[in-house]
N, C-alpha and C. Protein backbone atom coordinates (compact mmCIF):
# COMPACT_ATOMS: atom_id res chain seq x y z
N MET A 1 10.56 -1.11 -22.42
CA MET A 1 9.63 -0.07 -22.08
C MET A 1 10.29 1.29 -22.49
N ALA A 2 11.67 1.47 -22.32
CA ALA A 2 12.28 2.63 -22.54
C ALA A 2 12.08 3.28 -24.02
N SER A 3 12.14 2.32 -24.98
CA SER A 3 11.97 2.68 -26.33
C SER A 3 10.50 3.12 -26.64
N GLU A 4 9.54 2.50 -25.86
CA GLU A 4 8.14 2.96 -26.07
C GLU A 4 7.71 4.26 -25.66
N ALA A 5 8.12 4.57 -24.33
CA ALA A 5 7.82 5.91 -23.79
C ALA A 5 9.04 6.45 -22.97
N PRO A 6 9.83 7.27 -23.56
CA PRO A 6 10.95 7.71 -22.79
C PRO A 6 10.85 8.43 -21.59
N LEU A 7 9.73 9.06 -21.49
CA LEU A 7 9.38 9.90 -20.24
C LEU A 7 8.79 8.95 -19.04
N LEU A 8 8.23 7.84 -19.44
CA LEU A 8 7.58 7.01 -18.39
C LEU A 8 8.54 6.39 -17.37
N GLN A 9 9.70 5.94 -17.72
CA GLN A 9 10.67 5.33 -16.85
C GLN A 9 11.01 6.21 -15.73
N PRO A 10 11.44 7.51 -15.93
CA PRO A 10 11.85 8.38 -14.88
C PRO A 10 10.65 8.71 -13.91
N VAL A 11 9.48 8.87 -14.49
CA VAL A 11 8.23 9.15 -13.81
C VAL A 11 7.85 7.97 -12.76
N VAL A 12 8.07 6.72 -13.35
CA VAL A 12 7.74 5.58 -12.50
C VAL A 12 8.86 5.35 -11.44
N THR A 13 10.10 5.67 -11.71
CA THR A 13 11.15 5.49 -10.72
C THR A 13 10.86 6.62 -9.62
N GLY A 14 10.53 7.73 -10.09
CA GLY A 14 10.18 8.79 -9.03
C GLY A 14 8.95 8.51 -8.15
N GLY A 15 7.98 7.90 -8.89
CA GLY A 15 6.83 7.44 -8.04
C GLY A 15 7.14 6.28 -7.09
N LEU A 16 8.10 5.44 -7.46
CA LEU A 16 8.42 4.40 -6.55
C LEU A 16 9.22 5.00 -5.37
N ILE A 17 10.08 5.96 -5.59
CA ILE A 17 10.69 6.58 -4.50
C ILE A 17 9.84 7.32 -3.51
N LEU A 18 8.91 8.05 -4.05
CA LEU A 18 7.91 8.82 -3.29
C LEU A 18 7.09 7.88 -2.42
N VAL A 19 6.56 6.78 -3.10
CA VAL A 19 5.73 5.92 -2.38
C VAL A 19 6.45 5.08 -1.29
N ALA A 20 7.76 4.88 -1.61
CA ALA A 20 8.51 4.11 -0.51
C ALA A 20 8.86 5.06 0.62
N ALA A 21 9.14 6.35 0.46
CA ALA A 21 9.19 7.21 1.49
C ALA A 21 8.03 7.49 2.36
N LEU A 22 6.83 7.61 1.57
CA LEU A 22 5.60 7.71 2.27
C LEU A 22 5.26 6.40 3.21
N THR A 23 5.69 5.33 2.72
CA THR A 23 5.61 4.16 3.42
C THR A 23 6.32 4.20 4.73
N LEU A 24 7.53 4.69 4.68
CA LEU A 24 8.36 4.94 5.86
C LEU A 24 7.72 5.87 6.87
N PHE A 25 7.13 6.99 6.38
CA PHE A 25 6.58 7.80 7.31
C PHE A 25 5.26 7.18 8.00
N ALA A 26 4.62 6.43 7.14
CA ALA A 26 3.43 5.73 7.75
C ALA A 26 3.89 4.57 8.87
N GLY A 27 5.01 4.03 8.53
CA GLY A 27 5.60 3.19 9.55
C GLY A 27 5.88 3.80 10.93
N TYR A 28 6.36 4.99 10.72
CA TYR A 28 6.73 5.74 11.99
C TYR A 28 5.43 6.05 12.75
N ARG A 29 4.38 6.40 11.99
CA ARG A 29 3.01 6.60 12.65
C ARG A 29 2.48 5.27 13.23
N VAL A 30 2.74 4.04 12.67
CA VAL A 30 2.39 2.88 13.35
C VAL A 30 3.01 2.81 14.74
N ILE A 31 4.39 3.08 14.64
CA ILE A 31 5.08 2.79 15.88
C ILE A 31 4.88 3.88 17.02
N LYS A 32 4.69 5.26 16.50
CA LYS A 32 4.54 6.26 17.54
C LYS A 32 3.15 6.77 17.59
N GLY A 33 2.17 6.14 16.92
CA GLY A 33 0.84 6.64 16.84
C GLY A 33 0.28 6.85 18.25
N PRO A 34 -0.38 8.00 18.48
CA PRO A 34 -0.89 8.22 19.90
C PRO A 34 -2.09 7.24 20.18
N THR A 35 -2.90 6.99 19.34
CA THR A 35 -4.12 6.18 19.52
C THR A 35 -4.11 4.99 18.62
N VAL A 36 -4.99 3.99 18.86
CA VAL A 36 -5.04 2.80 18.09
C VAL A 36 -5.71 3.08 16.77
N PRO A 37 -6.70 3.96 16.66
CA PRO A 37 -7.25 4.37 15.34
C PRO A 37 -6.14 5.01 14.40
N ASP A 38 -5.31 5.75 15.06
CA ASP A 38 -4.04 6.34 14.14
C ASP A 38 -3.31 5.29 13.59
N ARG A 39 -3.03 4.23 14.48
CA ARG A 39 -2.23 3.13 13.98
C ARG A 39 -2.98 2.25 12.93
N VAL A 40 -4.24 2.10 13.06
CA VAL A 40 -4.90 1.29 12.05
C VAL A 40 -5.03 2.05 10.74
N VAL A 41 -5.19 3.40 10.69
CA VAL A 41 -5.10 4.09 9.56
C VAL A 41 -3.73 4.18 8.89
N ALA A 42 -2.72 4.20 9.74
CA ALA A 42 -1.34 3.98 9.18
C ALA A 42 -1.10 2.61 8.59
N LEU A 43 -1.65 1.71 9.20
CA LEU A 43 -1.44 0.29 8.54
C LEU A 43 -2.28 0.22 7.27
N ASP A 44 -3.39 0.85 7.14
CA ASP A 44 -4.10 0.78 5.90
C ASP A 44 -3.30 1.64 4.73
N THR A 45 -2.80 2.63 5.24
CA THR A 45 -1.98 3.44 4.30
C THR A 45 -0.71 2.65 3.81
N ILE A 46 0.06 1.98 4.68
CA ILE A 46 1.03 1.06 4.32
C ILE A 46 0.58 0.12 3.32
N GLY A 47 -0.60 -0.59 3.45
CA GLY A 47 -1.23 -1.52 2.52
C GLY A 47 -1.42 -0.94 1.13
N THR A 48 -2.02 0.25 1.27
CA THR A 48 -2.35 0.95 -0.02
C THR A 48 -0.96 1.23 -0.81
N ASN A 49 0.01 1.71 -0.05
CA ASN A 49 1.25 1.99 -0.68
C ASN A 49 1.99 0.72 -1.19
N VAL A 50 1.95 -0.31 -0.57
CA VAL A 50 2.48 -1.57 -1.20
C VAL A 50 1.74 -2.00 -2.46
N VAL A 51 0.42 -1.72 -2.50
CA VAL A 51 -0.27 -2.05 -3.81
C VAL A 51 0.26 -1.10 -4.88
N ALA A 52 0.44 0.17 -4.52
CA ALA A 52 0.92 1.16 -5.43
C ALA A 52 2.32 0.72 -6.01
N ILE A 53 3.22 0.40 -5.02
CA ILE A 53 4.49 -0.14 -5.39
C ILE A 53 4.45 -1.35 -6.30
N ALA A 54 3.51 -2.23 -6.06
CA ALA A 54 3.45 -3.47 -6.95
C ALA A 54 2.86 -2.87 -8.25
N ALA A 55 2.03 -2.08 -8.46
CA ALA A 55 1.55 -1.65 -9.70
C ALA A 55 2.63 -0.81 -10.43
N LEU A 56 3.25 -0.05 -9.69
CA LEU A 56 4.40 0.81 -10.48
C LEU A 56 5.48 -0.14 -10.78
N PHE A 57 5.77 -1.17 -10.05
CA PHE A 57 6.85 -2.17 -10.54
C PHE A 57 6.38 -2.87 -11.71
N ALA A 58 5.11 -3.16 -11.84
CA ALA A 58 4.62 -3.92 -13.05
C ALA A 58 4.80 -3.00 -14.26
N LEU A 59 4.62 -1.61 -14.08
CA LEU A 59 4.84 -0.69 -15.15
C LEU A 59 6.36 -0.62 -15.49
N ALA A 60 7.16 -0.69 -14.55
CA ALA A 60 8.53 -0.51 -14.78
C ALA A 60 9.21 -1.75 -15.45
N THR A 61 8.67 -2.85 -15.10
CA THR A 61 9.16 -4.15 -15.66
C THR A 61 8.32 -4.73 -16.83
N GLY A 62 7.18 -4.31 -16.92
CA GLY A 62 6.34 -4.82 -17.96
C GLY A 62 5.80 -6.20 -17.77
N GLU A 63 5.94 -6.65 -16.43
CA GLU A 63 5.35 -8.02 -16.02
C GLU A 63 3.91 -7.75 -15.55
N GLY A 64 2.97 -8.41 -16.20
CA GLY A 64 1.53 -8.43 -15.80
C GLY A 64 1.20 -9.08 -14.57
N LEU A 65 2.26 -9.93 -14.04
CA LEU A 65 1.93 -10.72 -12.78
C LEU A 65 1.81 -9.79 -11.69
N PHE A 66 2.56 -8.69 -11.63
CA PHE A 66 2.56 -7.78 -10.50
C PHE A 66 1.31 -6.97 -10.36
N VAL A 67 0.50 -6.95 -11.52
CA VAL A 67 -0.77 -6.31 -11.40
C VAL A 67 -1.82 -7.18 -10.70
N THR A 68 -1.63 -8.44 -11.02
CA THR A 68 -2.41 -9.42 -10.19
C THR A 68 -2.06 -9.45 -8.82
N VAL A 69 -0.80 -9.41 -8.41
CA VAL A 69 -0.36 -9.39 -7.08
C VAL A 69 -0.96 -8.14 -6.43
N SER A 70 -0.96 -7.04 -7.10
CA SER A 70 -1.54 -5.75 -6.50
C SER A 70 -2.97 -5.86 -6.15
N LEU A 71 -3.59 -6.48 -7.17
CA LEU A 71 -5.05 -6.72 -6.91
C LEU A 71 -5.42 -7.58 -5.76
N VAL A 72 -4.54 -8.65 -5.62
CA VAL A 72 -4.77 -9.56 -4.43
C VAL A 72 -4.47 -8.85 -3.13
N LEU A 73 -3.36 -8.12 -3.05
CA LEU A 73 -3.04 -7.32 -1.94
C LEU A 73 -4.07 -6.30 -1.61
N ALA A 74 -4.66 -5.58 -2.59
CA ALA A 74 -5.76 -4.70 -2.29
C ALA A 74 -6.82 -5.23 -1.64
N ILE A 75 -7.29 -6.43 -2.03
CA ILE A 75 -8.37 -7.25 -1.52
C ILE A 75 -8.20 -7.60 0.02
N ILE A 76 -6.92 -8.19 0.15
CA ILE A 76 -6.51 -8.59 1.45
C ILE A 76 -6.45 -7.34 2.45
N GLY A 77 -5.84 -6.27 1.92
CA GLY A 77 -5.77 -4.96 2.78
C GLY A 77 -7.19 -4.53 3.14
N PHE A 78 -8.06 -4.56 2.26
CA PHE A 78 -9.47 -4.10 2.47
C PHE A 78 -10.16 -4.87 3.56
N ILE A 79 -10.04 -6.19 3.43
CA ILE A 79 -10.68 -7.20 4.40
C ILE A 79 -10.05 -7.06 5.71
N SER A 80 -8.69 -6.91 5.85
CA SER A 80 -7.94 -6.84 7.06
C SER A 80 -8.34 -5.49 7.82
N THR A 81 -8.52 -4.35 7.02
CA THR A 81 -8.83 -3.13 7.45
C THR A 81 -10.21 -3.19 8.24
N ILE A 82 -11.17 -3.82 7.54
CA ILE A 82 -12.52 -3.91 8.01
C ILE A 82 -12.41 -4.72 9.25
N ALA A 83 -11.63 -5.77 9.40
CA ALA A 83 -11.65 -6.75 10.54
C ALA A 83 -10.97 -5.92 11.65
N VAL A 84 -9.98 -5.15 11.55
CA VAL A 84 -9.22 -4.44 12.49
C VAL A 84 -10.27 -3.39 13.04
N SER A 85 -10.87 -2.69 12.13
CA SER A 85 -11.73 -1.65 12.57
C SER A 85 -12.92 -2.19 13.45
N GLN A 86 -13.47 -3.25 13.03
CA GLN A 86 -14.59 -4.00 13.76
C GLN A 86 -14.08 -4.35 15.14
N TYR A 87 -12.81 -4.82 15.23
CA TYR A 87 -12.28 -5.20 16.50
C TYR A 87 -12.06 -3.86 17.41
N VAL A 88 -11.68 -2.76 16.86
CA VAL A 88 -11.23 -1.60 17.62
C VAL A 88 -12.62 -1.03 18.08
N VAL A 89 -13.59 -1.02 17.18
CA VAL A 89 -15.03 -0.41 17.68
C VAL A 89 -15.70 -1.18 18.70
N GLU A 90 -15.78 -2.57 18.34
CA GLU A 90 -16.62 -3.33 19.15
C GLU A 90 -15.93 -4.32 20.09
N GLY A 91 -14.64 -4.48 19.92
CA GLY A 91 -13.86 -5.44 20.76
C GLY A 91 -13.94 -6.85 20.28
N ASP A 92 -14.76 -7.13 19.20
CA ASP A 92 -14.89 -8.50 18.72
C ASP A 92 -15.05 -8.40 17.17
N ILE A 93 -14.50 -9.47 16.48
CA ILE A 93 -14.63 -9.39 15.10
C ILE A 93 -15.98 -9.98 14.57
N ILE A 94 -16.21 -11.13 15.15
CA ILE A 94 -17.48 -12.07 14.76
C ILE A 94 -18.21 -11.99 16.01
N GLU A 95 -19.53 -11.62 15.88
CA GLU A 95 -20.54 -11.66 16.96
C GLU A 95 -21.17 -12.95 16.94
């Protein structure tokens, strides 16, 4: 990848560092969040950041498998966010 686009590798590395730091901040919000909805949003943010990390890692390594992994993680994150939100609002997931 370095011979194809010399500027891409530092940008991807910087993006990985930035997303990892933001994931740590979201983890702090999960632990110290004052309300349950704050924690749910922080968990959704962590899921989105993990998807971004997988996609950036796919760019860095050139492995297409990580793109598939990121798509599956995005689907699982979306479904789990809907389920947790339903539980927080109504107290039951399936009526």
